[in-house]
Protein backbone atom coordinates (compact mmCIF):
# COMPACT_ATOMS: atom_id res chain seq x y z
CA UNK A 1 39.41 18.90 -12.73
CA UNK A 2 36.75 17.91 -10.23
CA UNK A 3 35.59 20.57 -7.85
CA UNK A 4 36.07 19.97 -4.14
CA UNK A 5 32.73 19.40 -2.48
CA UNK A 6 31.97 21.79 0.34
CA UNK A 7 30.54 20.03 3.34
CA UNK A 8 27.46 21.76 4.61
CA UNK A 9 26.45 21.87 8.21
CA UNK A 10 27.95 22.12 11.68
CA UNK A 11 29.75 19.51 13.74
CA UNK A 12 27.10 19.48 16.46
CA UNK A 13 26.45 16.36 18.54
CA UNK A 14 23.81 15.37 21.06
CA UNK A 15 20.27 14.05 21.46
CA UNK A 16 17.12 16.10 20.89
CA UNK A 17 13.87 14.84 22.36
CA UNK A 18 11.22 15.92 19.87
CA UNK A 19 7.46 15.71 20.24
CA UNK A 20 6.62 14.62 16.70
CA UNK A 21 3.54 16.24 15.14
CA UNK A 22 0.85 14.23 13.37
CA UNK A 23 0.80 14.11 9.60
CA UNK A 24 4.56 13.99 9.03
CA UNK A 25 6.83 11.04 8.41
CA UNK A 26 9.66 10.51 10.86
CA UNK A 27 12.16 11.15 8.08
CA UNK A 28 10.52 14.47 7.17
CA UNK A 29 10.74 15.51 10.83
CA UNK A 30 14.37 14.41 10.96
CA UNK A 31 15.33 16.45 7.89
CA UNK A 32 13.60 19.55 9.27
CA UNK A 33 15.41 19.25 12.59
CA UNK A 34 18.70 18.74 10.77
CA UNK A 35 18.15 21.99 8.84
CA UNK A 36 17.14 23.92 11.96
CA UNK A 37 20.36 22.89 13.72
CA UNK A 38 22.35 23.22 10.48
CA UNK A 39 23.86 19.85 11.41
CA UNK A 40 26.04 17.70 9.15
CA UNK A 41 24.58 14.42 10.36
CA UNK A 42 21.33 13.34 11.97
CA UNK A 43 19.36 10.16 12.58
CA UNK A 44 16.37 9.04 14.62
CA UNK A 45 16.05 6.07 16.95
CA UNK A 46 12.93 4.35 15.63
CA UNK A 47 10.27 5.75 13.33
CA UNK A 48 6.67 6.63 14.11
CA UNK A 49 3.82 6.32 11.60
CA UNK A 50 2.68 9.63 10.07
CA UNK A 51 -0.58 9.58 12.08
CA UNK A 52 1.35 9.10 15.34
CA UNK A 53 2.61 11.86 17.61
CA UNK A 54 4.98 11.88 20.51
CA UNK A 55 8.50 11.08 21.52
CA UNK A 56 11.04 10.85 18.70
CA UNK A 57 14.64 11.01 19.98
CA UNK A 58 16.84 12.52 17.27
CA UNK A 59 20.60 12.01 17.32
CA UNK A 60 22.84 14.68 15.83
CA UNK A 61 26.46 14.35 14.75
CA UNK A 62 28.50 11.80 16.67
CA UNK A 63 25.38 10.69 18.54
CA UNK A 64 24.30 8.86 15.37
CA UNK A 65 27.04 6.31 16.14
CA UNK A 66 25.16 5.12 19.24
CA UNK A 67 21.60 5.74 18.03
CA UNK A 68 21.15 2.08 17.11
CA UNK A 69 21.27 1.06 20.76
CA UNK A 70 18.10 3.07 21.38
CA UNK A 71 16.24 0.92 18.86
CA UNK A 72 16.35 -1.93 21.37
CA UNK A 73 14.83 0.17 24.16
CA UNK A 74 11.38 -0.52 25.60
CA UNK A 75 8.64 1.85 24.47
CA UNK A 76 5.49 3.35 25.94
CA UNK A 77 2.36 4.46 24.06
CA UNK A 78 -1.00 6.02 24.67
CA UNK A 79 -3.45 4.66 22.12
CA UNK A 80 -7.12 5.25 21.38
CA UNK A 81 -8.69 2.17 19.81
CA UNK A 82 -11.95 2.49 17.92
CA UNK A 83 -13.90 -0.74 18.35
CA UNK A 84 -16.48 -2.19 15.98
CA UNK A 85 -14.55 -1.51 12.78
CA UNK A 86 -11.53 -3.09 11.10
CA UNK A 87 -9.57 -1.26 8.39
CA UNK A 88 -7.14 -2.20 5.65
CA UNK A 89 -4.22 -0.65 7.52
CA UNK A 90 -5.19 -1.33 11.13
CA UNK A 91 -5.50 2.40 11.76
CA UNK A 92 -7.68 5.38 10.89
CA UNK A 93 -5.91 5.95 7.55
CA UNK A 94 -7.23 2.70 6.04
CA UNK A 95 -10.57 1.90 4.44
CA UNK A 96 -13.16 0.22 6.65
CA UNK A 97 -13.48 -3.41 5.58
CA UNK A 98 -15.86 -4.68 8.26
CA UNK A 99 -18.22 -3.26 10.87
CA UNK A 100 -19.54 -5.33 13.76
CA UNK A 101 -21.75 -4.92 16.80
CA UNK A 102 -20.00 -3.86 19.98
CA UNK A 103 -20.46 -5.64 23.29
CA UNK A 104 -21.45 -3.45 26.22
CA UNK A 105 -18.12 -1.94 27.12
CA UNK A 106 -17.21 -1.78 30.79
CA UNK A 107 -14.16 -1.97 33.00
CA UNK A 108 -15.30 -5.41 34.17
CA UNK A 109 -15.39 -6.68 30.57
CA UNK A 110 -12.23 -5.00 29.31
CA UNK A 111 -9.67 -5.50 32.06
CA UNK A 112 -9.59 -9.34 31.91
CA UNK A 113 -9.30 -9.15 28.11
CA UNK A 114 -6.44 -6.65 28.33
CA UNK A 115 -4.70 -8.70 31.00
CA UNK A 116 -4.62 -11.61 28.56
CA UNK A 117 -2.21 -9.66 26.35
CA UNK A 118 0.27 -8.86 29.14
CA UNK A 119 3.48 -10.88 29.07
CA UNK A 120 5.35 -12.52 26.20
CA UNK A 121 3.01 -12.92 23.24
CA UNK A 122 3.25 -13.76 19.55
CA UNK A 123 2.47 -11.06 16.99
CA UNK A 124 2.21 -11.26 13.21
CA UNK A 125 3.61 -8.00 11.77
CA UNK A 126 1.06 -6.05 9.68
CA UNK A 127 1.38 -5.73 5.92
CA UNK A 128 1.43 -1.96 6.36
CA UNK A 129 4.88 -1.94 7.96
CA UNK A 130 8.45 -1.10 6.98
CA UNK A 131 9.55 -4.74 7.17
CA UNK A 132 10.98 -5.94 3.88
CA UNK A 133 10.31 -8.92 1.65
CA UNK A 134 13.02 -9.48 -0.98
CA UNK A 135 14.18 -5.90 -0.42
CA UNK A 136 10.70 -4.41 -0.87
CA UNK A 137 8.95 -2.74 2.11
CA UNK A 138 5.74 -4.58 2.95
CA UNK A 139 3.66 -1.40 2.88
CA UNK A 140 4.53 -0.92 -0.80
CA UNK A 141 3.32 -4.44 -1.55
CA UNK A 142 0.17 -3.83 0.50
CA UNK A 143 -0.63 -0.73 -1.53
CA UNK A 144 -0.54 -2.93 -4.64
CA UNK A 145 -3.02 -5.32 -3.04
CA UNK A 146 -0.32 -7.94 -2.50
CA UNK A 147 -0.22 -9.86 0.77
CA UNK A 148 2.71 -12.08 1.72
CA UNK A 149 3.24 -14.49 4.58
CA UNK A 150 4.79 -12.92 7.69
CA UNK A 151 6.42 -14.95 10.40
CA UNK A 152 5.10 -14.45 13.95
CA UNK A 153 7.52 -12.78 16.35
CA UNK A 154 7.69 -12.83 20.11
CA UNK A 155 7.26 -9.47 21.82
CA UNK A 156 6.59 -8.52 25.43
CA UNK A 157 3.75 -6.36 26.73
CA UNK A 158 4.84 -5.24 30.20
CA UNK A 159 1.58 -3.51 31.09
CA UNK A 160 -1.73 -2.31 29.65
CA UNK A 161 -3.66 0.29 31.61
CA UNK A 162 -7.25 1.19 30.78
CA UNK A 163 -7.45 5.00 30.95
CA UNK A 164 -10.95 5.67 29.67
CA UNK A 165 -14.00 4.29 27.84
CA UNK A 166 -15.75 6.74 25.49
CA UNK A 167 -18.66 5.23 23.56
CA UNK A 168 -17.00 2.94 21.01
CA UNK A 169 -13.42 3.97 21.89
CA UNK A 170 -11.04 2.84 24.59
CA UNK A 171 -7.99 4.80 25.71
CA UNK A 172 -5.02 2.65 26.78
CA UNK A 173 -1.47 3.10 28.06
CA UNK A 174 0.82 0.34 26.76
CA UNK A 175 4.39 -0.35 27.89
CA UNK A 176 6.08 -2.84 25.59
CA UNK A 177 9.29 -4.23 24.14
CA UNK A 178 10.89 -3.20 20.88
CA UNK A 179 9.24 -4.56 17.75
CA UNK A 180 5.69 -4.30 19.11
CA UNK A 181 3.10 -3.18 16.59
CA UNK A 182 0.37 -1.25 18.38
CA UNK A 183 -1.89 -1.53 15.31
CA UNK A 184 -1.68 -5.30 15.54
CA UNK A 185 -2.37 -5.15 19.26
CA UNK A 186 -5.44 -2.99 18.62
CA UNK A 187 -6.73 -5.43 16.02
CA UNK A 188 -6.11 -8.42 18.29
CA UNK A 189 -7.89 -6.75 21.22
CA UNK A 190 -10.84 -6.01 18.94
CA UNK A 191 -10.97 -9.61 17.78
CA UNK A 192 -10.84 -10.88 21.34
CA UNK A 193 -13.88 -8.70 22.07
CA UNK A 194 -15.59 -10.08 18.97
CA UNK A 195 -16.09 -6.73 17.28
CA UNK A 196 -12.78 -5.78 15.66
CA UNK A 197 -10.92 -2.55 16.12
CA UNK A 198 -8.29 -0.18 14.79
CA UNK A 199 -6.01 2.61 16.01
CA UNK A 200 -7.73 5.98 16.08
CA UNK A 201 -4.89 7.92 17.71
CA UNK A 202 -1.37 6.93 18.76
CA UNK A 203 1.15 8.80 20.87
CA UNK A 204 4.55 7.56 22.04
CA UNK A 205 5.21 8.65 25.60
CA UNK A 206 8.33 6.64 26.50
CA UNK A 207 11.46 5.44 24.72
CA UNK A 208 13.96 3.77 27.00
CA UNK A 209 14.89 6.27 29.70
CA UNK A 210 13.39 9.19 27.77
CA UNK A 211 9.96 10.63 28.60
CA UNK A 212 7.58 12.73 26.50
CA UNK A 213 7.49 15.37 29.28
CA UNK A 214 11.06 16.34 28.38
CA UNK A 215 10.36 16.69 24.64
CA UNK A 216 10.03 19.92 22.66
CA UNK A 217 7.45 20.45 19.95
CA UNK A 218 8.43 21.22 16.36
CA UNK A 219 6.47 24.46 16.62
CA UNK A 220 8.48 25.59 19.66
CA UNK A 221 11.76 24.52 18.07
CA UNK A 222 11.03 26.56 14.94
CA UNK A 223 10.00 29.52 17.07
CA UNK A 224 13.32 29.42 18.94
CA UNK A 225 15.23 29.11 15.66
CA UNK A 226 13.46 32.19 14.27
CA UNK A 227 14.69 34.17 17.27
CA UNK A 228 18.30 32.98 17.41
CA UNK A 229 21.07 31.33 15.36
CA UNK A 230 21.34 27.56 15.10
CA UNK A 231 24.04 27.47 17.81
CA UNK A 232 21.51 28.69 20.38
CA UNK A 233 19.52 25.48 19.95
CA UNK A 234 22.47 23.42 21.18
CA UNK A 235 21.36 24.02 24.76
CA UNK A 236 18.42 21.71 24.07
CA UNK A 237 20.68 18.75 23.33
CA UNK A 238 21.26 15.96 25.84
CA UNK A 239 24.59 14.09 26.23
CA UNK A 240 24.88 11.28 23.72
CA UNK A 241 25.87 8.65 26.28
CA UNK A 242 22.35 8.78 27.75
CA UNK A 243 21.32 6.43 24.93
CA UNK A 244 23.57 3.69 26.34
CA UNK A 245 23.06 4.18 30.08
CA UNK A 246 21.90 0.58 30.48
CA UNK A 247 25.43 -0.67 29.74
CA UNK A 248 28.10 -0.71 32.48
CA UNK A 249 30.66 2.10 32.43
CA UNK A 250 34.42 1.54 32.25
CA UNK A 251 36.82 4.40 33.05
CA UNK A 252 40.19 4.37 31.33
CA UNK A 253 43.36 6.13 32.44
CA UNK A 254 45.28 8.31 30.00
CA UNK A 255 47.43 5.47 28.61
CA UNK A 256 44.48 3.09 28.25
CA UNK A 257 42.42 5.74 26.46
CA UNK A 258 45.31 6.38 24.06
CA UNK A 259 45.57 2.73 23.04
CA UNK A 260 41.81 2.30 22.76
CA UNK A 261 41.70 5.33 20.44
CA UNK A 262 44.26 3.51 18.30
CA UNK A 263 41.91 0.54 18.05
CA UNK A 264 43.77 -1.64 20.56
CA UNK A 265 42.37 -3.68 23.46
CA UNK A 266 43.52 -2.91 27.00
CA UNK A 267 43.37 -4.66 30.35
CA UNK A 268 41.27 -2.69 32.82
CA UNK A 269 41.20 -3.77 36.49
CA UNK A 270 37.73 -4.63 37.82
CA UNK A 271 36.10 -4.31 34.40
CA UNK A 272 33.02 -6.45 33.60
CA UNK A 273 33.81 -9.94 32.39
CA UNK A 274 31.55 -9.95 29.31
CA UNK A 275 29.26 -7.92 27.08
CA UNK A 276 29.17 -4.35 25.88
CA UNK A 277 30.43 -1.43 27.98
CA UNK A 278 30.50 2.37 27.87
CA UNK A 279 34.01 3.76 27.67
CA UNK A 280 35.17 6.99 29.32
CA UNK A 281 38.58 8.67 29.20
CA UNK A 282 37.62 10.53 32.37
CA UNK A 283 34.46 10.88 34.40
CA UNK A 284 32.59 12.81 31.70
CA UNK A 285 34.69 12.22 28.57
CA UNK A 286 32.61 9.64 26.68
CA UNK A 287 34.69 7.69 24.16
CA UNK A 288 32.03 5.38 22.81
CA UNK A 289 31.24 1.69 23.12
CA UNK A 290 33.53 -1.22 23.83
CA UNK A 291 33.21 -4.94 24.47
CA UNK A 292 34.94 -7.53 26.60
CA UNK A 293 37.20 -10.06 24.87
CA UNK A 294 37.46 -13.68 25.98
CA UNK A 295 40.77 -12.92 27.73
CA UNK A 296 39.13 -10.14 29.76
CA UNK A 297 40.58 -7.18 27.87
CA UNK A 298 38.41 -4.23 26.85
CA UNK A 299 38.31 -3.64 23.09
CA UNK A 300 36.82 -0.67 21.19
CA UNK A 301 33.63 -1.33 19.25
CA UNK A 302 32.15 2.02 18.22
CA UNK A 303 34.14 5.14 19.12
CA UNK A 304 33.21 8.79 18.76
CA UNK A 305 35.30 11.82 17.87
CA UNK A 306 38.14 9.62 16.67
CA UNK A 307 39.04 7.39 13.77
CA UNK A 308 37.96 3.79 14.08
């Protein structure tokens, strides 16, 4: 007779804004946070490279059902680019493959070059990325010395601000669309300057509506956990519907909410005429995501705290 499996963890839901430390993978950070909260479920909203630090929103419990919407959010980074050297990985972790003479760096030289990257541009994803070819992550192929063709993709750079020039390094603030590879941007800027370049340091400072200033460090989180039970950490969690604030809200009365919870579409006066919507059973009772049918009714798409 098979033994019943005992589910481990608490039913805790919400969003934690974590300031990821350098040297850890995003998944390692996620698993540590999950253990600290003693949570049943957890997921992040877009990984950071091990060398990168900064904002990593982590969704616990029911918040994992809407975490995918944060993947589409615009991002902001502070990056230090070392000019004059290109590496195998496009960042400091790779081997130097070429060194070139630097031009005389100045604001007058750099700002027109940086301005040329603002707007919609085409990027070729790096080999050292999590994109897959025939089910195999590209970075695994790259480590075997295998390079495959990657299709260019359109991304948008909303702004690039020059923060500082320090010898052979430039410090930039970049606001960009999802899917932007900052390592590729660093390499392209270096090529435009004729000297090459790679990422020396990378820090994510924005993710959608979330800002690094509101994030907690892993060190502080572990310190709080040492002083109190896991339940005490729940005060750090943000409401899960913050992830989907860009979508219009639709409030349902008691009867409408009942039918939506049963998986049925309902007619809601003055609802949007198309697209995805946030659903609420009352002002603060978030039900999950819905979408508008061709006949104008509101149908459930991804509900929380209820069977779907």
